[in-house]
């Protein structure tokens, strides 16, 4: 390897690399931070059918949603909501408005089927993963909010159907 007068390596690009893209994480720390801050918006866009290749943030969010850890966390959240709804409420431990018990009990099989689909190692659809993330993680979802724009049945069924069609992510065994 030849070193120039200033001690630099000539095989490195002479111009600066893409801004904020260097770092230990793929895409850089800045991209991960921006994706984390905008997760709700990115999930909404992906659930609406946005092309994941349109931006780095969308692509990274697809990778995050399709990871084995996130899929397991989403499935655990669904099973936990069903388990919490099945328990006898304890007014001293659980806030009364934490979840909508009667709606969750009525959709128990649908939510457990959604959790089961997330636990399989087969490839799943990006839209379905984003819909499930919105269902579990965000307060305006019908899982928590009585005045949500859609019913829990419609939202969970649409997420379950969406998991099985469209653009696929990598399977858990491939990652």
N, C-alpha and C. Protein backbone atom coordinates (compact mmCIF):
# COMPACT_ATOMS: atom_id res chain seq x y z
N UNK A 1 0.85 -1.16 0.00
CA UNK A 1 0.00 0.00 0.00
C UNK A 1 0.90 1.22 0.00
N UNK A 2 0.56 2.16 -0.85
CA UNK A 2 1.34 3.37 -0.98
C UNK A 2 0.74 4.49 -0.14
N UNK A 3 1.55 5.17 0.58
CA UNK A 3 1.09 6.32 1.36
C UNK A 3 1.60 7.58 0.69
N UNK A 4 0.73 8.57 0.59
CA UNK A 4 1.11 9.85 0.02
C UNK A 4 1.93 10.68 0.99
N UNK A 5 2.24 11.89 0.58
CA UNK A 5 3.04 12.76 1.44
C UNK A 5 2.36 13.05 2.76
N UNK A 6 1.04 13.16 2.76
CA UNK A 6 0.35 13.51 3.99
C UNK A 6 0.00 12.30 4.83
N UNK A 7 0.37 11.12 4.39
CA UNK A 7 0.10 9.92 5.15
C UNK A 7 -1.31 9.37 4.93
N UNK A 8 -1.96 9.77 3.86
CA UNK A 8 -3.31 9.27 3.59
C UNK A 8 -3.24 8.08 2.66
N UNK A 9 -4.24 7.30 2.68
CA UNK A 9 -4.32 6.14 1.79
C UNK A 9 -4.98 6.57 0.50
N UNK A 10 -4.36 6.25 -0.61
CA UNK A 10 -4.88 6.70 -1.91
C UNK A 10 -6.11 5.90 -2.35
N UNK A 11 -6.36 4.73 -1.80
CA UNK A 11 -7.50 3.95 -2.24
C UNK A 11 -8.81 4.44 -1.63
N UNK A 12 -8.75 5.33 -0.64
CA UNK A 12 -9.97 5.89 -0.07
C UNK A 12 -10.54 6.94 -1.01
N UNK A 13 -11.82 7.13 -1.05
CA UNK A 13 -12.41 8.16 -1.91
C UNK A 13 -11.87 9.53 -1.52
N UNK A 14 -11.63 10.36 -2.53
CA UNK A 14 -11.07 11.68 -2.26
C UNK A 14 -12.13 12.63 -1.70
N UNK A 15 -13.39 12.42 -2.10
CA UNK A 15 -14.46 13.28 -1.61
C UNK A 15 -15.05 12.69 -0.35
N UNK A 16 -15.81 13.51 0.35
CA UNK A 16 -16.49 13.05 1.55
C UNK A 16 -17.55 12.02 1.21
N UNK A 17 -17.72 11.04 2.05
CA UNK A 17 -18.78 10.06 1.85
C UNK A 17 -20.12 10.69 2.16
N UNK A 18 -21.18 9.97 1.91
CA UNK A 18 -22.52 10.48 2.16
C UNK A 18 -22.63 11.03 3.58
N UNK A 19 -23.25 12.17 3.70
CA UNK A 19 -23.36 12.85 4.98
C UNK A 19 -24.07 11.99 6.01
N UNK A 20 -23.54 11.92 7.18
CA UNK A 20 -24.12 11.22 8.33
C UNK A 20 -24.34 9.73 8.06
N UNK A 21 -23.61 9.14 7.13
CA UNK A 21 -23.83 7.74 6.83
C UNK A 21 -22.77 6.84 7.42
N UNK A 22 -21.70 7.44 7.95
CA UNK A 22 -20.65 6.60 8.52
C UNK A 22 -20.96 6.31 9.98
N UNK A 23 -20.55 5.18 10.42
CA UNK A 23 -20.77 4.81 11.81
C UNK A 23 -20.77 3.31 11.97
N UNK A 24 -20.96 2.88 13.19
CA UNK A 24 -20.96 1.46 13.47
C UNK A 24 -22.22 0.78 12.98
N UNK A 25 -23.33 1.50 12.91
CA UNK A 25 -24.60 0.94 12.46
C UNK A 25 -24.75 1.15 10.97
N UNK A 26 -25.37 0.19 10.31
CA UNK A 26 -25.64 0.33 8.89
C UNK A 26 -26.52 1.55 8.67
N UNK A 27 -26.08 2.46 7.84
CA UNK A 27 -26.82 3.69 7.61
C UNK A 27 -26.41 4.79 8.55
N UNK A 28 -25.74 4.48 9.60
CA UNK A 28 -25.27 5.50 10.53
C UNK A 28 -26.21 5.73 11.69
N UNK A 29 -25.66 6.32 12.70
CA UNK A 29 -26.43 6.60 13.92
C UNK A 29 -27.53 7.62 13.64
N UNK A 30 -27.25 8.61 12.80
CA UNK A 30 -28.24 9.64 12.52
C UNK A 30 -29.49 9.04 11.86
N UNK A 31 -29.31 8.14 10.90
CA UNK A 31 -30.45 7.52 10.24
C UNK A 31 -31.27 6.71 11.24
N UNK A 32 -30.62 6.00 12.14
CA UNK A 32 -31.34 5.24 13.15
C UNK A 32 -32.11 6.17 14.09
N UNK A 33 -31.52 7.29 14.44
CA UNK A 33 -32.21 8.25 15.30
C UNK A 33 -33.43 8.83 14.61
N UNK A 34 -33.27 9.24 13.37
CA UNK A 34 -34.40 9.82 12.62
C UNK A 34 -35.50 8.79 12.44
N UNK A 35 -35.13 7.56 12.16
CA UNK A 35 -36.13 6.49 11.99
C UNK A 35 -36.85 6.23 13.30
N UNK A 36 -36.13 6.22 14.40
CA UNK A 36 -36.75 6.02 15.71
C UNK A 36 -37.73 7.16 16.02
N UNK A 37 -37.33 8.40 15.75
CA UNK A 37 -38.19 9.55 16.04
C UNK A 37 -39.44 9.57 15.17
N UNK A 38 -39.34 9.08 13.96
CA UNK A 38 -40.45 9.14 13.02
C UNK A 38 -41.13 7.79 12.83
N UNK A 39 -40.99 6.88 13.76
CA UNK A 39 -41.51 5.51 13.61
C UNK A 39 -43.01 5.51 13.36
N UNK A 40 -43.77 6.33 14.08
CA UNK A 40 -45.23 6.36 13.89
C UNK A 40 -45.57 6.78 12.46
N UNK A 41 -44.97 7.85 11.98
CA UNK A 41 -45.24 8.33 10.63
C UNK A 41 -44.80 7.29 9.59
N UNK A 42 -43.65 6.69 9.80
CA UNK A 42 -43.17 5.67 8.86
C UNK A 42 -44.08 4.45 8.85
N UNK A 43 -44.54 4.04 10.03
CA UNK A 43 -45.48 2.91 10.11
C UNK A 43 -46.78 3.23 9.39
N UNK A 44 -47.27 4.45 9.57
CA UNK A 44 -48.50 4.85 8.87
C UNK A 44 -48.32 4.81 7.35
N UNK A 45 -47.18 5.30 6.90
CA UNK A 45 -46.92 5.29 5.46
C UNK A 45 -46.79 3.87 4.92
N UNK A 46 -46.08 3.01 5.65
CA UNK A 46 -45.93 1.62 5.21
C UNK A 46 -47.27 0.88 5.25
N UNK A 47 -48.08 1.13 6.26
CA UNK A 47 -49.40 0.51 6.36
C UNK A 47 -50.30 0.97 5.22
N UNK A 48 -50.06 2.16 4.72
CA UNK A 48 -50.83 2.68 3.60
C UNK A 48 -50.33 2.23 2.24
N UNK A 49 -49.25 1.45 2.22
CA UNK A 49 -48.76 0.91 0.95
C UNK A 49 -47.60 1.65 0.34
N UNK A 50 -46.90 2.48 1.11
CA UNK A 50 -45.76 3.22 0.57
C UNK A 50 -44.65 2.26 0.16
N UNK A 51 -43.94 2.62 -0.88
CA UNK A 51 -42.82 1.82 -1.37
C UNK A 51 -41.65 1.98 -0.41
N UNK A 52 -41.15 0.89 0.19
CA UNK A 52 -40.05 0.99 1.15
C UNK A 52 -38.75 1.50 0.55
N UNK A 53 -38.63 1.45 -0.76
CA UNK A 53 -37.40 1.90 -1.41
C UNK A 53 -37.39 3.41 -1.69
N UNK A 54 -38.44 4.10 -1.31
CA UNK A 54 -38.52 5.54 -1.58
C UNK A 54 -37.58 6.35 -0.71
N UNK A 55 -37.25 5.85 0.48
CA UNK A 55 -36.35 6.59 1.35
C UNK A 55 -35.57 5.63 2.23
N UNK A 56 -34.46 6.12 2.73
CA UNK A 56 -33.64 5.31 3.63
C UNK A 56 -34.38 5.00 4.92
N UNK A 57 -35.17 5.98 5.40
CA UNK A 57 -35.92 5.77 6.64
C UNK A 57 -36.94 4.64 6.49
N UNK A 58 -37.67 4.63 5.38
CA UNK A 58 -38.65 3.58 5.14
C UNK A 58 -37.97 2.22 5.03
N UNK A 59 -36.84 2.16 4.33
CA UNK A 59 -36.11 0.90 4.18
C UNK A 59 -35.63 0.38 5.52
N UNK A 60 -35.09 1.27 6.33
CA UNK A 60 -34.62 0.86 7.65
C UNK A 60 -35.78 0.40 8.52
N UNK A 61 -36.91 1.11 8.46
CA UNK A 61 -38.07 0.73 9.26
C UNK A 61 -38.59 -0.65 8.85
N UNK A 62 -38.56 -0.96 7.57
CA UNK A 62 -38.96 -2.30 7.11
C UNK A 62 -38.05 -3.35 7.73
N UNK A 63 -36.75 -3.07 7.73
CA UNK A 63 -35.81 -4.00 8.35
C UNK A 63 -36.06 -4.18 9.83
N UNK A 64 -36.39 -3.08 10.51
CA UNK A 64 -36.68 -3.16 11.94
C UNK A 64 -37.95 -3.97 12.19
N UNK A 65 -39.00 -3.71 11.42
CA UNK A 65 -40.26 -4.41 11.61
C UNK A 65 -40.15 -5.90 11.30
N UNK A 66 -39.33 -6.26 10.34
CA UNK A 66 -39.23 -7.66 9.94
C UNK A 66 -38.22 -8.44 10.76
N UNK A 67 -37.53 -7.79 11.68
CA UNK A 67 -36.54 -8.51 12.49
C UNK A 67 -37.25 -9.48 13.44
N UNK A 68 -36.55 -10.52 13.81
CA UNK A 68 -37.11 -11.53 14.70
C UNK A 68 -37.48 -10.92 16.05
N UNK A 69 -36.68 -10.00 16.54
CA UNK A 69 -36.96 -9.37 17.84
C UNK A 69 -38.25 -8.56 17.79
N UNK A 70 -38.43 -7.77 16.77
CA UNK A 70 -39.63 -6.94 16.67
C UNK A 70 -40.87 -7.80 16.48
N UNK A 71 -40.77 -8.81 15.64
CA UNK A 71 -41.91 -9.69 15.43
C UNK A 71 -42.30 -10.40 16.73
N UNK A 72 -41.30 -10.83 17.50
CA UNK A 72 -41.58 -11.48 18.78
C UNK A 72 -42.19 -10.49 19.76
N UNK A 73 -41.72 -9.25 19.74
CA UNK A 73 -42.25 -8.22 20.63
C UNK A 73 -43.70 -7.88 20.29
N UNK A 74 -44.01 -7.81 19.00
CA UNK A 74 -45.39 -7.55 18.57
C UNK A 74 -46.31 -8.70 18.98
N UNK A 75 -45.86 -9.93 18.76
CA UNK A 75 -46.67 -11.10 19.14
C UNK A 75 -46.88 -11.14 20.65
N UNK A 76 -45.85 -10.83 21.40
CA UNK A 76 -45.95 -10.80 22.86
C UNK A 76 -46.93 -9.72 23.32
N UNK A 77 -46.92 -8.58 22.65
CA UNK A 77 -47.86 -7.51 22.98
C UNK A 77 -49.30 -7.91 22.75
N UNK A 78 -49.55 -8.61 21.67
CA UNK A 78 -50.92 -9.08 21.38
C UNK A 78 -51.37 -10.12 22.40
N UNK A 79 -50.50 -11.09 22.68
CA UNK A 79 -50.85 -12.11 23.68
C UNK A 79 -51.02 -11.48 25.07
N UNK A 80 -50.20 -10.50 25.38
CA UNK A 80 -50.31 -9.82 26.68
C UNK A 80 -51.62 -9.05 26.81
N UNK A 81 -52.07 -8.41 25.74
CA UNK A 81 -53.34 -7.68 25.78
C UNK A 81 -54.50 -8.65 26.00
N UNK A 82 -54.45 -9.81 25.34
CA UNK A 82 -55.50 -10.81 25.52
C UNK A 82 -55.48 -11.34 26.96
N UNK A 83 -54.29 -11.63 27.46
CA UNK A 83 -54.16 -12.13 28.83
C UNK A 83 -54.64 -11.10 29.85
N UNK A 84 -54.31 -9.84 29.64
CA UNK A 84 -54.74 -8.77 30.55
C UNK A 84 -56.25 -8.59 30.50
N UNK A 85 -56.84 -8.73 29.32
CA UNK A 85 -58.29 -8.60 29.19
C UNK A 85 -59.02 -9.76 29.86
N UNK A 86 -58.40 -10.94 29.88
CA UNK A 86 -59.02 -12.12 30.48
C UNK A 86 -58.95 -12.10 32.01
N UNK A 87 -58.02 -11.37 32.55
CA UNK A 87 -57.88 -11.31 34.01
C UNK A 87 -58.99 -10.50 34.65
N UNK A 88 -59.21 -10.78 35.92
CA UNK A 88 -60.15 -9.97 36.69
C UNK A 88 -59.47 -8.63 36.97
N UNK A 89 -60.14 -7.51 36.68
CA UNK A 89 -59.50 -6.21 36.88
C UNK A 89 -59.22 -5.92 38.36
N UNK A 90 -58.04 -5.39 38.61
CA UNK A 90 -57.63 -4.99 39.94
C UNK A 90 -57.50 -3.46 39.92
N UNK A 91 -58.43 -2.73 40.53
CA UNK A 91 -58.41 -1.26 40.43
C UNK A 91 -57.17 -0.63 41.04
N UNK A 92 -56.50 -1.31 41.94
CA UNK A 92 -55.31 -0.74 42.55
C UNK A 92 -54.06 -0.91 41.69
N UNK A 93 -54.06 -1.89 40.79
CA UNK A 93 -52.87 -2.16 40.00
C UNK A 93 -52.98 -1.72 38.54
N UNK A 94 -54.13 -1.84 37.95
CA UNK A 94 -54.30 -1.54 36.54
C UNK A 94 -55.24 -0.36 36.35
N UNK A 95 -54.79 0.67 35.65
CA UNK A 95 -55.70 1.78 35.36
C UNK A 95 -56.90 1.28 34.56
N UNK A 96 -58.10 1.76 34.87
CA UNK A 96 -59.30 1.22 34.22
C UNK A 96 -59.33 1.43 32.71
N UNK A 97 -58.71 2.48 32.21
CA UNK A 97 -58.77 2.77 30.77
C UNK A 97 -57.55 2.25 30.02
N UNK A 98 -56.81 1.31 30.61
CA UNK A 98 -55.60 0.83 29.96
C UNK A 98 -55.90 0.11 28.65
N UNK A 99 -56.84 -0.81 28.69
CA UNK A 99 -57.23 -1.52 27.47
C UNK A 99 -58.74 -1.68 27.45
N UNK A 100 -59.26 -2.01 26.31
CA UNK A 100 -60.69 -2.21 26.14
C UNK A 100 -60.99 -3.70 26.28
N UNK A 101 -61.30 -4.12 27.49
CA UNK A 101 -61.44 -5.54 27.82
C UNK A 101 -62.50 -6.26 26.99
N UNK A 102 -63.69 -5.71 26.90
CA UNK A 102 -64.77 -6.44 26.22
C UNK A 102 -64.47 -6.61 24.73
N UNK A 103 -63.92 -5.59 24.08
CA UNK A 103 -63.59 -5.69 22.65
C UNK A 103 -62.46 -6.70 22.42
N UNK A 104 -61.50 -6.70 23.32
CA UNK A 104 -60.38 -7.65 23.18
C UNK A 104 -60.86 -9.07 23.39
N UNK A 105 -61.72 -9.27 24.40
CA UNK A 105 -62.26 -10.62 24.62
C UNK A 105 -63.09 -11.08 23.43
N UNK A 106 -63.84 -10.18 22.82
CA UNK A 106 -64.66 -10.54 21.66
C UNK A 106 -63.79 -10.89 20.44
N UNK A 107 -62.58 -10.35 20.38
CA UNK A 107 -61.67 -10.59 19.25
C UNK A 107 -60.48 -11.45 19.65
N UNK A 108 -60.64 -12.21 20.71
CA UNK A 108 -59.55 -13.01 21.27
C UNK A 108 -58.89 -13.91 20.23
N UNK A 109 -59.67 -14.71 19.50
CA UNK A 109 -59.12 -15.65 18.53
C UNK A 109 -58.41 -14.92 17.40
N UNK A 110 -58.98 -13.82 16.96
CA UNK A 110 -58.36 -13.05 15.87
C UNK A 110 -57.01 -12.48 16.30
N UNK A 111 -56.93 -11.93 17.50
CA UNK A 111 -55.67 -11.37 18.00
C UNK A 111 -54.63 -12.46 18.23
N UNK A 112 -55.05 -13.61 18.73
CA UNK A 112 -54.11 -14.71 18.94
C UNK A 112 -53.63 -15.30 17.60
N UNK A 113 -54.49 -15.32 16.60
CA UNK A 113 -54.09 -15.77 15.27
C UNK A 113 -53.08 -14.79 14.66
N UNK A 114 -53.29 -13.51 14.88
CA UNK A 114 -52.33 -12.49 14.43
C UNK A 114 -50.99 -12.69 15.12
N UNK A 115 -50.99 -12.96 16.41
CA UNK A 115 -49.75 -13.21 17.16
C UNK A 115 -49.07 -14.48 16.65
N UNK A 116 -49.85 -15.50 16.34
CA UNK A 116 -49.30 -16.76 15.82
C UNK A 116 -48.62 -16.55 14.47
N UNK A 117 -49.25 -15.74 13.62
CA UNK A 117 -48.66 -15.45 12.30
C UNK A 117 -47.32 -14.73 12.44
N UNK A 118 -47.24 -13.84 13.41
CA UNK A 118 -45.98 -13.11 13.63
C UNK A 118 -44.88 -14.03 14.13
N UNK A 119 -45.25 -15.09 14.83
CA UNK A 119 -44.27 -16.00 15.40
C UNK A 119 -43.70 -17.01 14.42
N UNK A 120 -44.31 -17.14 13.26
CA UNK A 120 -43.79 -18.10 12.27
C UNK A 120 -42.54 -17.52 11.63
N UNK A 121 -41.72 -18.37 11.08
CA UNK A 121 -40.49 -17.93 10.44
C UNK A 121 -40.66 -17.56 8.98
N UNK A 122 -41.87 -17.68 8.46
CA UNK A 122 -42.08 -17.41 7.04
C UNK A 122 -42.11 -15.91 6.75
N UNK A 123 -41.84 -15.54 5.51
CA UNK A 123 -41.87 -14.12 5.14
C UNK A 123 -43.27 -13.53 5.32
N UNK A 124 -43.32 -12.30 5.79
CA UNK A 124 -44.60 -11.61 6.00
C UNK A 124 -44.59 -10.29 5.25
N UNK A 125 -45.77 -9.77 5.04
CA UNK A 125 -45.93 -8.53 4.29
C UNK A 125 -45.57 -7.32 5.13
N UNK A 126 -44.97 -6.35 4.50
CA UNK A 126 -44.56 -5.10 5.15
C UNK A 126 -45.76 -4.33 5.68
N UNK A 127 -46.81 -4.24 4.89
CA UNK A 127 -48.00 -3.50 5.31
C UNK A 127 -48.62 -4.11 6.56
N UNK A 128 -48.71 -5.43 6.60
CA UNK A 128 -49.28 -6.10 7.76
C UNK A 128 -48.46 -5.89 9.02
N UNK A 129 -47.14 -5.91 8.88
CA UNK A 129 -46.27 -5.65 10.03
C UNK A 129 -46.46 -4.23 10.54
N UNK A 130 -46.56 -3.28 9.63
CA UNK A 130 -46.75 -1.88 10.02
C UNK A 130 -48.13 -1.69 10.67
N UNK A 131 -49.16 -2.33 10.14
CA UNK A 131 -50.49 -2.23 10.73
C UNK A 131 -50.51 -2.80 12.15
N UNK A 132 -49.82 -3.92 12.33
CA UNK A 132 -49.75 -4.53 13.65
C UNK A 132 -48.99 -3.65 14.62
N UNK A 133 -47.92 -3.04 14.16
CA UNK A 133 -47.16 -2.12 15.00
C UNK A 133 -48.02 -0.93 15.43
N UNK A 134 -48.78 -0.39 14.50
CA UNK A 134 -49.68 0.72 14.83
C UNK A 134 -50.75 0.29 15.83
N UNK A 135 -51.26 -0.92 15.66
CA UNK A 135 -52.28 -1.44 16.55
C UNK A 135 -51.77 -1.55 17.99
N UNK A 136 -50.54 -1.97 18.15
CA UNK A 136 -50.00 -2.22 19.49
C UNK A 136 -49.36 -1.00 20.13
N UNK A 137 -48.61 -0.24 19.37
CA UNK A 137 -47.76 0.79 19.97
C UNK A 137 -48.35 2.19 20.09
N UNK A 138 -49.44 2.48 19.44
CA UNK A 138 -49.89 3.86 19.40
C UNK A 138 -51.27 4.03 20.01
N UNK A 139 -51.39 5.04 20.86
CA UNK A 139 -52.59 5.28 21.67
C UNK A 139 -53.89 5.42 20.87
N UNK A 140 -53.90 6.04 19.69
CA UNK A 140 -55.17 6.15 18.97
C UNK A 140 -55.68 4.84 18.38
N UNK A 141 -55.00 3.73 18.61
CA UNK A 141 -55.43 2.47 18.02
C UNK A 141 -56.69 1.95 18.71
N UNK A 142 -57.48 1.14 18.02
CA UNK A 142 -58.71 0.61 18.62
C UNK A 142 -58.45 -0.37 19.77
N UNK A 143 -57.20 -0.77 19.97
CA UNK A 143 -56.87 -1.63 21.10
C UNK A 143 -56.99 -0.86 22.42
N UNK A 144 -56.79 0.46 22.37
CA UNK A 144 -56.79 1.28 23.57
C UNK A 144 -57.87 2.36 23.59
N UNK A 145 -58.26 2.86 22.44
CA UNK A 145 -59.09 4.06 22.37
C UNK A 145 -60.50 3.73 21.90
N UNK A 146 -61.49 4.14 22.66
CA UNK A 146 -62.89 3.85 22.31
C UNK A 146 -63.34 4.57 21.05
N UNK A 147 -62.81 5.76 20.83
CA UNK A 147 -63.25 6.55 19.68
C UNK A 147 -62.29 6.45 18.51
N UNK A 148 -61.67 5.29 18.35
CA UNK A 148 -60.77 5.08 17.20
C UNK A 148 -61.58 5.13 15.91
N UNK A 149 -60.91 5.47 14.83
CA UNK A 149 -61.61 5.61 13.55
C UNK A 149 -62.14 4.28 13.02
N UNK A 150 -61.53 3.15 13.43
CA UNK A 150 -61.96 1.84 12.97
C UNK A 150 -62.17 0.92 14.16
N UNK A 151 -62.92 -0.14 13.96
CA UNK A 151 -63.14 -1.09 15.05
C UNK A 151 -61.92 -2.00 15.19
N UNK A 152 -61.80 -2.62 16.35
CA UNK A 152 -60.70 -3.55 16.60
C UNK A 152 -60.81 -4.76 15.67
N UNK A 153 -62.01 -5.23 15.43
CA UNK A 153 -62.20 -6.38 14.54
C UNK A 153 -61.69 -6.07 13.14
N UNK A 154 -62.10 -4.94 12.58
CA UNK A 154 -61.68 -4.56 11.23
C UNK A 154 -60.17 -4.37 11.15
N UNK A 155 -59.60 -3.69 12.14
CA UNK A 155 -58.17 -3.40 12.12
C UNK A 155 -57.34 -4.67 12.24
N UNK A 156 -57.69 -5.54 13.18
CA UNK A 156 -56.93 -6.78 13.37
C UNK A 156 -57.09 -7.71 12.17
N UNK A 157 -58.31 -7.80 11.62
CA UNK A 157 -58.53 -8.66 10.45
C UNK A 157 -57.75 -8.15 9.25
N UNK A 158 -57.77 -6.84 9.04
CA UNK A 158 -57.04 -6.27 7.91
C UNK A 158 -55.53 -6.50 8.06
N UNK A 159 -55.01 -6.38 9.28
CA UNK A 159 -53.58 -6.64 9.52
C UNK A 159 -53.25 -8.10 9.25
N UNK A 160 -54.12 -9.01 9.67
CA UNK A 160 -53.89 -10.44 9.46
C UNK A 160 -53.90 -10.78 7.97
N UNK A 161 -54.84 -10.23 7.23
CA UNK A 161 -54.90 -10.47 5.79
C UNK A 161 -53.68 -9.86 5.10
N UNK A 162 -53.30 -8.65 5.53
CA UNK A 162 -52.16 -7.97 4.91
C UNK A 162 -50.84 -8.69 5.17
N UNK A 163 -50.72 -9.39 6.28
CA UNK A 163 -49.49 -10.14 6.55
C UNK A 163 -49.24 -11.20 5.49
N UNK A 164 -50.30 -11.70 4.88
CA UNK A 164 -50.19 -12.82 3.95
C UNK A 164 -50.04 -12.42 2.48
N UNK A 165 -50.09 -11.14 2.17
CA UNK A 165 -50.04 -10.75 0.75
C UNK A 165 -49.02 -9.65 0.51
N UNK A 166 -48.79 -9.35 -0.74
CA UNK A 166 -48.01 -8.18 -1.12
C UNK A 166 -46.51 -8.34 -1.00
N UNK A 167 -45.83 -7.19 -0.79
CA UNK A 167 -44.37 -7.17 -0.70
C UNK A 167 -43.92 -7.94 0.52
N UNK A 168 -43.02 -8.84 0.33
CA UNK A 168 -42.57 -9.70 1.41
C UNK A 168 -41.28 -9.17 2.01
N UNK A 169 -41.09 -9.49 3.28
CA UNK A 169 -39.84 -9.20 3.96
C UNK A 169 -39.06 -10.49 4.07
N UNK A 170 -37.87 -10.43 4.60
CA UNK A 170 -37.12 -11.65 4.79
C UNK A 170 -37.73 -12.46 5.91
N UNK A 171 -37.59 -13.76 5.82
CA UNK A 171 -38.10 -14.60 6.89
C UNK A 171 -37.12 -14.57 8.05
N UNK A 172 -37.58 -15.00 9.21
CA UNK A 172 -36.73 -15.00 10.38
C UNK A 172 -35.52 -15.89 10.18
N UNK A 173 -35.70 -17.02 9.52
CA UNK A 173 -34.58 -17.94 9.31
C UNK A 173 -33.54 -17.39 8.34
N UNK A 174 -33.95 -16.47 7.43
CA UNK A 174 -33.02 -15.88 6.47
C UNK A 174 -32.16 -14.79 7.09
N UNK A 175 -32.65 -14.16 8.15
CA UNK A 175 -31.92 -13.02 8.71
C UNK A 175 -30.87 -13.44 9.69
